[in-house]
Amino acid sequence: MAERSVIVFPPGEGGGRRVQVDSETLGTAYSLHDLTVFLQRAGLEGMDELDVVMSPLVEWHGGGPEEWPAVS
């Protein structure tokens, strides 16, 4: 399988982070768990939250995996 490109964009006004795999936007994640589910559904089965944090495939913009602002 070819190398995948995963981009997690900076938090938006609602606290969520847009997730893009290759050129497809998967949706908005509000937690590391949400992100993991998106990636599994995109064909990266077997990845858990620790794998997502450590993966060189994931490019974090506007903060790393610990940056999930609370929605007020």
Protein backbone atom coordinates (compact mmCIF):
# COMPACT_ATOMS: atom_id res chain seq x y z
CA MET A 1 0.00 0.00 0.00
CA ALA A 2 1.24 3.48 -0.82
CA GLU A 3 2.18 5.87 1.95
CA ARG A 4 -0.87 7.78 3.19
CA SER A 5 -0.93 11.47 4.07
CA VAL A 6 -2.90 12.43 7.19
CA ILE A 7 -3.32 16.08 8.19
CA VAL A 8 -4.96 17.20 11.43
CA PHE A 9 -5.74 20.89 11.13
CA PRO A 10 -5.73 23.47 13.97
CA PRO A 11 -8.74 23.57 16.27
CA GLY A 12 -11.66 25.55 14.88
CA GLU A 13 -14.04 27.83 16.73
CA GLY A 14 -16.07 24.87 18.00
CA GLY A 15 -12.99 23.08 19.31
CA GLY A 16 -12.91 20.36 16.66
CA ARG A 17 -10.06 19.67 14.27
CA ARG A 18 -10.61 18.96 10.57
CA VAL A 19 -9.09 15.67 9.44
CA GLN A 20 -7.84 15.02 5.93
CA VAL A 21 -6.45 11.77 4.52
CA ASP A 22 -4.71 12.20 1.20
CA SER A 23 -6.96 14.79 -0.49
CA GLU A 24 -10.21 13.71 1.20
CA THR A 25 -11.65 15.53 4.21
CA LEU A 26 -13.02 12.91 6.59
CA GLY A 27 -14.75 15.25 9.02
CA THR A 28 -14.13 17.06 12.28
CA ALA A 29 -12.61 15.22 15.23
CA TYR A 30 -13.23 16.44 18.78
CA SER A 31 -10.87 14.00 20.48
CA LEU A 32 -8.05 11.60 19.83
CA HIS A 33 -10.63 8.82 19.91
CA ASP A 34 -12.64 10.49 17.11
CA LEU A 35 -9.47 10.85 15.04
CA THR A 36 -8.60 7.19 15.54
CA VAL A 37 -12.08 6.11 14.39
CA PHE A 38 -11.83 8.32 11.27
CA LEU A 39 -8.47 6.78 10.37
CA GLN A 40 -9.69 3.24 10.92
CA ARG A 41 -12.67 3.89 8.64
CA ALA A 42 -10.28 5.34 6.03
CA GLY A 43 -8.51 1.99 5.81
CA LEU A 44 -5.86 2.35 8.51
CA GLU A 45 -7.30 -0.58 10.47
CA GLY A 46 -5.52 -1.77 13.55
CA MET A 47 -4.43 1.71 14.65
CA ASP A 48 -5.17 2.59 18.24
CA GLU A 49 -4.82 6.00 19.93
CA LEU A 50 -1.16 5.42 20.81
CA ASP A 51 -0.40 4.44 17.21
CA VAL A 52 -2.03 7.67 16.00
CA VAL A 53 0.04 9.77 18.43
CA MET A 54 3.29 8.08 17.41
CA SER A 55 2.65 7.67 13.66
CA PRO A 56 4.89 9.55 11.24
CA LEU A 57 1.91 9.52 8.82
CA VAL A 58 0.05 12.11 10.92
CA GLU A 59 0.96 15.76 10.37
CA TRP A 60 -0.30 17.94 13.22
CA HIS A 61 -1.06 21.61 12.47
CA GLY A 62 -1.78 24.09 15.25
CA GLY A 63 -0.85 21.80 18.13
CA GLY A 64 -0.10 18.16 18.64
CA PRO A 65 -2.20 15.22 19.76
CA GLU A 66 -2.80 16.79 23.19
CA GLU A 67 -4.52 19.87 21.70
CA TRP A 68 -8.28 19.26 21.91
CA PRO A 69 -9.91 22.43 23.25
CA ALA A 70 -13.04 21.96 25.31
CA VAL A 71 -16.22 23.14 23.66
CA SER A 72 -17.92 25.80 25.77
